């Protein structure tokens, strides 16, 4: 299967993404990304890992062909191997979580 086909299958599989981006002068940029089978689960994956004061900044959206803007960019941060695995299992059977940090100094 080509990467494009796998990406289409992943987009149509019914997953949800939650993410939170944090940037601070001298600290760089940190992004947390979680994928779950429903919005509540995806958001909980991040809330369990983040201090409470970051919870209001979590964005949660369905992963589908209609996403735009920042949500679309954050979906692109999900590696193809993770997308492939998630597209092969039911949304209730898995999850994906990552923390990305870039020191810009």
Protein backbone atom coordinates (compact mmCIF):
# COMPACT_ATOMS: atom_id res chain seq x y z
CA UNK A 1 0.00 0.00 0.00
CA UNK A 2 1.34 3.47 -0.81
CA UNK A 3 1.81 6.17 1.83
CA UNK A 4 -1.04 8.14 0.22
CA UNK A 5 -3.43 5.19 0.50
CA UNK A 6 -2.41 4.55 4.11
CA UNK A 7 -2.91 8.23 4.90
CA UNK A 8 -6.41 8.20 3.37
CA UNK A 9 -7.34 5.08 5.37
CA UNK A 10 -6.05 6.73 8.57
CA UNK A 11 -8.00 9.94 7.85
CA UNK A 12 -11.19 7.91 7.38
CA UNK A 13 -10.74 5.64 10.42
CA UNK A 14 -12.60 7.76 12.99
CA UNK A 15 -9.73 8.90 15.24
CA UNK A 16 -9.51 12.16 17.20
CA UNK A 17 -6.49 14.36 17.81
CA UNK A 18 -5.76 16.47 20.86
CA UNK A 19 -2.78 18.77 21.01
CA UNK A 20 -1.28 21.60 23.01
CA UNK A 21 1.54 23.88 21.87
CA UNK A 22 3.64 25.83 24.34
CA UNK A 23 6.36 28.30 23.51
CA UNK A 24 8.42 30.47 25.79
CA UNK A 25 11.36 32.75 25.19
CA UNK A 26 14.55 30.88 25.96
CA UNK A 27 12.74 27.55 26.35
CA UNK A 28 11.85 26.75 22.76
CA UNK A 29 8.62 25.17 21.59
CA UNK A 30 6.96 22.08 23.06
CA UNK A 31 4.03 20.30 21.43
CA UNK A 32 2.02 17.45 22.90
CA UNK A 33 -0.01 15.35 20.48
CA UNK A 34 -2.43 12.55 21.34
CA UNK A 35 -4.69 10.40 19.17
CA UNK A 36 -7.60 8.48 20.65
CA UNK A 37 -10.75 6.72 19.56
CA UNK A 38 -13.00 9.56 20.73
CA UNK A 39 -12.59 13.20 21.71
CA UNK A 40 -12.78 12.57 25.44
CA UNK A 41 -10.12 9.85 25.36
CA UNK A 42 -7.71 11.88 23.20
CA UNK A 43 -8.07 14.87 25.53
CA UNK A 44 -7.63 12.72 28.65
CA UNK A 45 -4.36 11.35 27.28
CA UNK A 46 -2.96 14.89 27.36
CA UNK A 47 -4.57 15.96 30.62
CA UNK A 48 -2.91 13.01 32.35
CA UNK A 49 0.50 14.26 31.16
CA UNK A 50 0.16 18.04 31.47
CA UNK A 51 -0.04 20.35 34.47
CA UNK A 52 -3.60 21.57 35.04
CA UNK A 53 -2.82 25.16 34.02
CA UNK A 54 -2.24 23.90 30.42
CA UNK A 55 -5.61 22.11 30.17
CA UNK A 56 -7.55 25.13 28.81
CA UNK A 57 -5.16 25.29 25.84
CA UNK A 58 -5.76 21.74 24.63
CA UNK A 59 -7.38 21.60 21.19
CA UNK A 60 -9.35 18.49 20.23
CA UNK A 61 -10.76 17.71 16.79
CA UNK A 62 -11.81 14.75 14.69
CA UNK A 63 -9.25 13.52 12.19
CA UNK A 64 -10.98 13.70 8.83
CA UNK A 65 -10.61 15.11 5.33
CA UNK A 66 -12.23 18.43 6.33
CA UNK A 67 -9.63 19.61 8.85
CA UNK A 68 -7.83 22.86 8.15
CA UNK A 69 -5.27 25.21 9.63
CA UNK A 70 -3.38 24.27 12.76
CA UNK A 71 -5.28 21.00 13.23
CA UNK A 72 -4.16 19.83 9.79
CA UNK A 73 -0.56 20.80 10.60
CA UNK A 74 -0.64 18.87 13.87
CA UNK A 75 -1.99 15.74 12.14
CA UNK A 76 1.04 15.93 9.83
CA UNK A 77 3.24 15.45 12.93
CA UNK A 78 1.83 11.94 13.43
CA UNK A 79 4.46 9.66 11.85
CA UNK A 80 3.42 7.41 8.98
CA UNK A 81 4.26 4.20 10.92
CA UNK A 82 1.90 5.31 13.71
CA UNK A 83 -0.79 6.24 11.17
CA UNK A 84 -0.40 2.84 9.52
CA UNK A 85 -0.83 0.96 12.81
CA UNK A 86 -3.79 3.09 13.89
CA UNK A 87 -5.50 2.62 10.53
CA UNK A 88 -5.32 -1.16 10.99
CA UNK A 89 -7.06 -1.30 14.39
CA UNK A 90 -10.44 -0.09 15.64
CA UNK A 91 -10.31 3.35 17.29
CA UNK A 92 -11.29 1.86 20.66
CA UNK A 93 -8.25 -0.45 20.60
CA UNK A 94 -5.35 1.98 20.54
CA UNK A 95 -3.86 5.38 21.19
CA UNK A 96 -0.83 7.45 20.26
CA UNK A 97 0.91 10.12 22.36
CA UNK A 98 4.06 12.11 21.72
CA UNK A 99 5.90 15.12 23.07
CA UNK A 100 7.97 17.15 20.63
CA UNK A 101 10.41 19.77 21.88
CA UNK A 102 12.48 22.17 19.81
CA UNK A 103 15.03 24.42 21.44
CA UNK A 104 15.18 27.44 19.17
CA UNK A 105 18.09 29.16 20.89
